Amino acid sequence: MESGPAIFAGVVFVLFGGGLLVWTAARLRHRESVAQGVSPIASAAVASAVGVVALALGAWCLTRL
């Protein structure tokens, strides 16, 4: 009964983290800024870190089934 919300949260975190990492990589590959008005290196680092944390959190949620 409690596994439904854990599965939903895990899938949401994994999709968000994966999407953010793919989007960040696509922006960097085209040599475009990740965030407007911010240092390109800092914005790419922060976006990548948030994506990895979201993937880790999603994996953690899915292992708690």
N, C-alpha and C. Protein backbone atom coordinates (compact mmCIF):
# COMPACT_ATOMS: atom_id res chain seq x y z
N MET A 1 0.81 -1.19 0.00
CA MET A 1 0.00 0.00 0.00
C MET A 1 0.86 1.26 0.00
N GLU A 2 1.95 1.25 0.73
CA GLU A 2 2.82 2.42 0.78
C GLU A 2 3.82 2.45 -0.35
N SER A 3 3.88 1.41 -1.17
CA SER A 3 4.86 1.39 -2.25
C SER A 3 4.43 2.28 -3.43
N GLY A 4 3.15 2.55 -3.56
CA GLY A 4 2.66 3.39 -4.66
C GLY A 4 3.27 4.79 -4.65
N PRO A 5 3.21 5.51 -3.52
CA PRO A 5 3.83 6.84 -3.48
C PRO A 5 5.34 6.80 -3.65
N ALA A 6 5.99 5.76 -3.15
CA ALA A 6 7.45 5.65 -3.31
C ALA A 6 7.81 5.44 -4.77
N ILE A 7 7.04 4.63 -5.47
CA ILE A 7 7.29 4.41 -6.89
C ILE A 7 7.07 5.70 -7.67
N PHE A 8 5.98 6.39 -7.37
CA PHE A 8 5.68 7.64 -8.06
C PHE A 8 6.78 8.67 -7.83
N ALA A 9 7.18 8.87 -6.58
CA ALA A 9 8.22 9.84 -6.26
C ALA A 9 9.55 9.45 -6.91
N GLY A 10 9.89 8.17 -6.86
CA GLY A 10 11.13 7.72 -7.47
C GLY A 10 11.16 7.96 -8.96
N VAL A 11 10.07 7.66 -9.64
CA VAL A 11 10.00 7.86 -11.09
C VAL A 11 10.07 9.35 -11.42
N VAL A 12 9.40 10.18 -10.65
CA VAL A 12 9.44 11.62 -10.90
C VAL A 12 10.85 12.15 -10.73
N PHE A 13 11.53 11.76 -9.67
CA PHE A 13 12.91 12.22 -9.45
C PHE A 13 13.84 11.73 -10.55
N VAL A 14 13.70 10.47 -10.95
CA VAL A 14 14.57 9.92 -12.00
C VAL A 14 14.32 10.64 -13.32
N LEU A 15 13.07 10.87 -13.68
CA LEU A 15 12.76 11.57 -14.92
C LEU A 15 13.27 13.01 -14.90
N PHE A 16 13.10 13.68 -13.77
CA PHE A 16 13.57 15.06 -13.66
C PHE A 16 15.09 15.12 -13.75
N GLY A 17 15.77 14.28 -12.99
CA GLY A 17 17.23 14.28 -12.99
C GLY A 17 17.80 13.92 -14.35
N GLY A 18 17.24 12.89 -14.96
CA GLY A 18 17.71 12.49 -16.29
C GLY A 18 17.45 13.57 -17.33
N GLY A 19 16.27 14.16 -17.28
CA GLY A 19 15.95 15.23 -18.22
C GLY A 19 16.84 16.45 -18.04
N LEU A 20 17.12 16.79 -16.80
CA LEU A 20 17.99 17.93 -16.53
C LEU A 20 19.41 17.67 -17.03
N LEU A 21 19.91 16.46 -16.82
CA LEU A 21 21.26 16.14 -17.30
C LEU A 21 21.32 16.13 -18.83
N VAL A 22 20.31 15.59 -19.48
CA VAL A 22 20.28 15.58 -20.95
C VAL A 22 20.19 17.00 -21.49
N TRP A 23 19.34 17.82 -20.88
CA TRP A 23 19.19 19.21 -21.32
C TRP A 23 20.48 19.99 -21.13
N THR A 24 21.13 19.80 -19.99
CA THR A 24 22.39 20.49 -19.71
C THR A 24 23.45 20.06 -20.71
N ALA A 25 23.54 18.77 -21.00
CA ALA A 25 24.52 18.28 -21.97
C ALA A 25 24.24 18.84 -23.37
N ALA A 26 22.98 18.93 -23.74
CA ALA A 26 22.63 19.47 -25.06
C ALA A 26 23.00 20.95 -25.16
N ARG A 27 22.76 21.69 -24.10
CA ARG A 27 23.12 23.12 -24.10
C ARG A 27 24.62 23.30 -24.18
N LEU A 28 25.36 22.48 -23.44
CA LEU A 28 26.81 22.58 -23.46
C LEU A 28 27.38 22.15 -24.81
N ARG A 29 26.80 21.15 -25.42
CA ARG A 29 27.27 20.67 -26.72
C ARG A 29 27.11 21.74 -27.80
N HIS A 30 26.06 22.54 -27.70
CA HIS A 30 25.83 23.62 -28.66
C HIS A 30 26.51 24.92 -28.24
N ARG A 31 27.29 24.87 -27.18
CA ARG A 31 28.01 26.02 -26.64
C ARG A 31 27.08 27.18 -26.30
N GLU A 32 25.91 26.84 -25.74
CA GLU A 32 24.95 27.84 -25.29
C GLU A 32 24.94 27.85 -23.77
N SER A 33 24.51 28.97 -23.20
CA SER A 33 24.51 29.07 -21.75
C SER A 33 23.39 28.22 -21.15
N VAL A 34 23.64 27.71 -19.97
CA VAL A 34 22.64 26.89 -19.28
C VAL A 34 21.64 27.78 -18.56
N ALA A 35 22.14 28.88 -17.98
CA ALA A 35 21.28 29.85 -17.30
C ALA A 35 21.69 31.25 -17.73
N GLN A 36 20.72 32.08 -18.02
CA GLN A 36 21.01 33.41 -18.52
C GLN A 36 21.52 34.30 -17.40
N GLY A 37 22.59 35.01 -17.66
CA GLY A 37 23.13 35.97 -16.71
C GLY A 37 24.02 35.37 -15.64
N VAL A 38 24.38 34.11 -15.80
CA VAL A 38 25.22 33.42 -14.82
C VAL A 38 26.44 32.88 -15.55
N SER A 39 27.53 32.71 -14.83
CA SER A 39 28.74 32.14 -15.42
C SER A 39 28.41 30.78 -16.04
N PRO A 40 28.84 30.53 -17.27
CA PRO A 40 28.53 29.25 -17.92
C PRO A 40 29.06 28.04 -17.15
N ILE A 41 30.23 28.16 -16.58
CA ILE A 41 30.81 27.04 -15.83
C ILE A 41 30.02 26.79 -14.55
N ALA A 42 29.69 27.86 -13.84
CA ALA A 42 28.95 27.69 -12.59
C ALA A 42 27.55 27.14 -12.83
N SER A 43 26.87 27.65 -13.85
CA SER A 43 25.50 27.18 -14.11
C SER A 43 25.50 25.73 -14.57
N ALA A 44 26.49 25.33 -15.37
CA ALA A 44 26.57 23.94 -15.80
C ALA A 44 26.88 23.03 -14.62
N ALA A 45 27.75 23.48 -13.72
CA ALA A 45 28.10 22.67 -12.55
C ALA A 45 26.91 22.50 -11.62
N VAL A 46 26.19 23.58 -11.38
CA VAL A 46 25.03 23.50 -10.48
C VAL A 46 23.93 22.65 -11.09
N ALA A 47 23.65 22.83 -12.38
CA ALA A 47 22.61 22.03 -13.03
C ALA A 47 22.98 20.56 -13.04
N SER A 48 24.24 20.25 -13.29
CA SER A 48 24.68 18.86 -13.27
C SER A 48 24.58 18.26 -11.88
N ALA A 49 24.98 19.02 -10.87
CA ALA A 49 24.90 18.53 -9.49
C ALA A 49 23.45 18.27 -9.09
N VAL A 50 22.55 19.16 -9.45
CA VAL A 50 21.14 18.98 -9.11
C VAL A 50 20.58 17.76 -9.83
N GLY A 51 20.98 17.55 -11.07
CA GLY A 51 20.53 16.37 -11.82
C GLY A 51 21.01 15.07 -11.19
N VAL A 52 22.26 15.04 -10.77
CA VAL A 52 22.80 13.84 -10.14
C VAL A 52 22.13 13.58 -8.80
N VAL A 53 21.88 14.65 -8.03
CA VAL A 53 21.20 14.48 -6.73
C VAL A 53 19.78 13.97 -6.95
N ALA A 54 19.09 14.48 -7.96
CA ALA A 54 17.73 14.01 -8.24
C ALA A 54 17.73 12.54 -8.65
N LEU A 55 18.71 12.13 -9.46
CA LEU A 55 18.81 10.72 -9.83
C LEU A 55 19.08 9.84 -8.62
N ALA A 56 19.97 10.30 -7.75
CA ALA A 56 20.28 9.54 -6.53
C ALA A 56 19.06 9.44 -5.62
N LEU A 57 18.34 10.53 -5.48
CA LEU A 57 17.14 10.52 -4.65
C LEU A 57 16.07 9.61 -5.23
N GLY A 58 15.93 9.61 -6.55
CA GLY A 58 14.98 8.71 -7.20
C GLY A 58 15.37 7.27 -7.00
N ALA A 59 16.66 6.97 -7.12
CA ALA A 59 17.12 5.60 -6.90
C ALA A 59 16.89 5.18 -5.45
N TRP A 60 17.11 6.09 -4.54
CA TRP A 60 16.88 5.79 -3.12
C TRP A 60 15.39 5.49 -2.86
N CYS A 61 14.52 6.32 -3.47
CA CYS A 61 13.08 6.07 -3.30
C CYS A 61 12.67 4.70 -3.87
N LEU A 62 13.25 4.36 -5.00
CA LEU A 62 12.87 3.09 -5.62
C LEU A 62 13.45 1.88 -4.88
N THR A 63 14.52 2.06 -4.13
CA THR A 63 15.06 0.94 -3.36
C THR A 63 14.31 0.74 -2.04
N ARG A 64 13.44 1.66 -1.67
CA ARG A 64 12.69 1.58 -0.41
C ARG A 64 11.36 0.86 -0.57
N LEU A 65 11.21 0.10 -1.63
CA LEU A 65 9.94 -0.60 -1.87
C LEU A 65 9.83 -1.76 -0.99
